[in-house]
C-alpha atoms as a PDB file:
ATOM      1  CA  MET A   1     179.782 213.707 134.713  1.00  0.00           C
ATOM      2  CA  ALA A   2     176.887 211.641 135.093  1.00  0.00           C
ATOM      3  CA  LEU A   3     175.976 209.282 132.373  1.00  0.00           C
ATOM      4  CA  THR A   4     173.341 209.801 130.058  1.00  0.00           C
ATOM      5  CA  ALA A   5     170.932 207.079 128.219  1.00  0.00           C
ATOM      6  CA  GLU A   6     173.170 207.683 124.935  1.00  0.00           C
ATOM      7  CA  ASP A   7     176.318 206.472 126.983  1.00  0.00           C
ATOM      8  CA  ILE A   8     174.589 203.066 127.789  1.00  0.00           C
ATOM      9  CA  LYS A   9     175.488 200.451 124.981  1.00  0.00           C
ATOM     10  CA  GLU A  10     175.275 196.886 124.368  1.00  0.00           C
ATOM     11  CA  GLY A  11     178.318 194.997 125.356  1.00  0.00           C
ATOM     12  CA  LYS A  12     179.432 197.787 127.643  1.00  0.00           C
ATOM     13  CA  CYS A  13     180.183 197.350 131.266  1.00  0.00           C
ATOM     14  CA  TYR A  14     179.153 199.527 134.386  1.00  0.00           C
ATOM     15  CA  ALA A  15     180.308 200.223 137.830  1.00  0.00           C
ATOM     16  CA  THR A  16     177.939 201.191 140.778  1.00  0.00           C
ATOM     17  CA  SER A  17     178.825 202.632 143.787  1.00  0.00           C
ATOM     18  CA  GLY A  18     178.709 199.379 145.552  1.00  0.00           C
ATOM     19  CA  SER A  19     180.516 196.248 144.615  1.00  0.00           C
ATOM     20  CA  ASP A  20     178.042 195.415 142.050  1.00  0.00           C
ATOM     21  CA  ARG A  21     178.945 195.521 138.111  1.00  0.00           C
ATOM     22  CA  TYR A  22     176.612 195.234 135.237  1.00  0.00           C
ATOM     23  CA  LYS A  23     177.112 194.546 131.877  1.00  0.00           C
ATOM     24  CA  VAL A  24     174.368 195.593 129.279  1.00  0.00           C
ATOM     25  CA  VAL A  25     173.032 192.628 126.842  1.00  0.00           C
ATOM     26  CA  ALA A  26     170.558 194.730 125.322  1.00  0.00           C
ATOM     27  CA  VAL A  27     168.594 198.063 125.422  1.00  0.00           C
ATOM     28  CA  ASN A  28     165.343 197.757 123.833  1.00  0.00           C
ATOM     29  CA  SER A  29     163.239 200.550 121.842  1.00  0.00           C
ATOM     30  CA  ARG A  30     161.077 201.255 124.831  1.00  0.00           C
ATOM     31  CA  GLY A  31     164.364 202.018 127.046  1.00  0.00           C
ATOM     32  CA  ILE A  32     164.211 199.121 128.917  1.00  0.00           C
ATOM     33  CA  VAL A  33     167.862 197.741 130.000  1.00  0.00           C
ATOM     34  CA  SER A  34     168.553 194.028 130.101  1.00  0.00           C
ATOM     35  CA  PHE A  35     171.625 193.233 132.051  1.00  0.00           C
ATOM     36  CA  VAL A  36     173.708 190.790 133.985  1.00  0.00           C
ATOM     37  CA  THR A  37     175.759 191.125 137.171  1.00  0.00           C
ATOM     38  CA  TRP A  38     179.064 190.398 138.836  1.00  0.00           C
ATOM     39  CA  GLN A  39     181.067 191.384 141.971  1.00  0.00           C
ATOM     40  CA  GLY A  40     185.019 191.559 141.971  1.00  0.00           C
ATOM     41  CA  ALA A  41     186.871 189.205 140.033  1.00  0.00           C
ATOM     42  CA  ASN A  42     184.145 186.958 139.233  1.00  0.00           C
ATOM     43  CA  LYS A  43     182.474 187.037 135.675  1.00  0.00           C
ATOM     44  CA  PRO A  44     178.991 187.859 134.723  1.00  0.00           C
ATOM     45  CA  GLY A  45     176.387 185.347 135.718  1.00  0.00           C
ATOM     46  CA  PRO A  46     173.698 184.005 133.354  1.00  0.00           C
ATOM     47  CA  MET A  47     170.580 185.456 134.780  1.00  0.00           C
ATOM     48  CA  ARG A  48     169.398 188.562 133.086  1.00  0.00           C
ATOM     49  CA  ALA A  49     167.840 191.500 135.000  1.00  0.00           C
ATOM     50  CA  ASN A  50     165.512 194.207 133.324  1.00  0.00           C
ATOM     51  CA  CYS A  51     164.758 197.773 134.575  1.00  0.00           C
ATOM     52  CA  PRO A  52     163.838 201.315 132.725  1.00  0.00           C
ATOM     53  CA  MET A  53     166.787 203.281 131.551  1.00  0.00           C
ATOM     54  CA  LYS A  54     166.392 205.966 134.133  1.00  0.00           C
ATOM     55  CA  ALA A  55     166.611 203.363 137.292  1.00  0.00           C
ATOM     56  CA  PHE A  56     169.950 201.908 135.495  1.00  0.00           C
ATOM     57  CA  LEU A  57     171.333 205.238 135.221  1.00  0.00           C
ATOM     58  CA  ASP A  58     170.509 205.981 138.665  1.00  0.00           C
ATOM     59  CA  GLY A  59     172.401 202.855 139.597  1.00  0.00           C
ATOM     60  CA  VAL A  60     175.532 203.248 137.654  1.00  0.00           C
ATOM     61  CA  THR A  61     178.368 205.718 138.143  1.00  0.00           C
ATOM     62  CA  LYS A  62     180.799 205.016 135.438  1.00  0.00           C
ATOM     63  CA  GLU A  63     181.737 202.782 132.367  1.00  0.00           C
ATOM     64  CA  ILE A  64     184.311 200.053 133.233  1.00  0.00           C
ATOM     65  CA  PRO A  65     186.448 197.361 131.174  1.00  0.00           C
ATOM     66  CA  CYS A  66     184.225 194.159 130.785  1.00  0.00           C
ATOM     67  CA  PRO A  67     185.962 191.507 132.503  1.00  0.00           C
ATOM     68  CA  ALA A  68     187.579 188.798 129.750  1.00  0.00           C
ATOM     69  CA  GLU A  69     184.882 186.194 128.488  1.00  0.00           C
END
């Protein structure tokens, strides 16, 4: 089952079909998702990316556990 906008929450992590993983930092009232990325066993990096909710949903496949901080 595909993820919906209601599934995307601050502090949650999501897998993509590739090796990238995303941790959502914020979702604003206009539907812009701010997130940090990481790959494999690495921790999320400090650089944030922003994109519209639809583009974020197109890129993620499922919710995953976030890495330990």
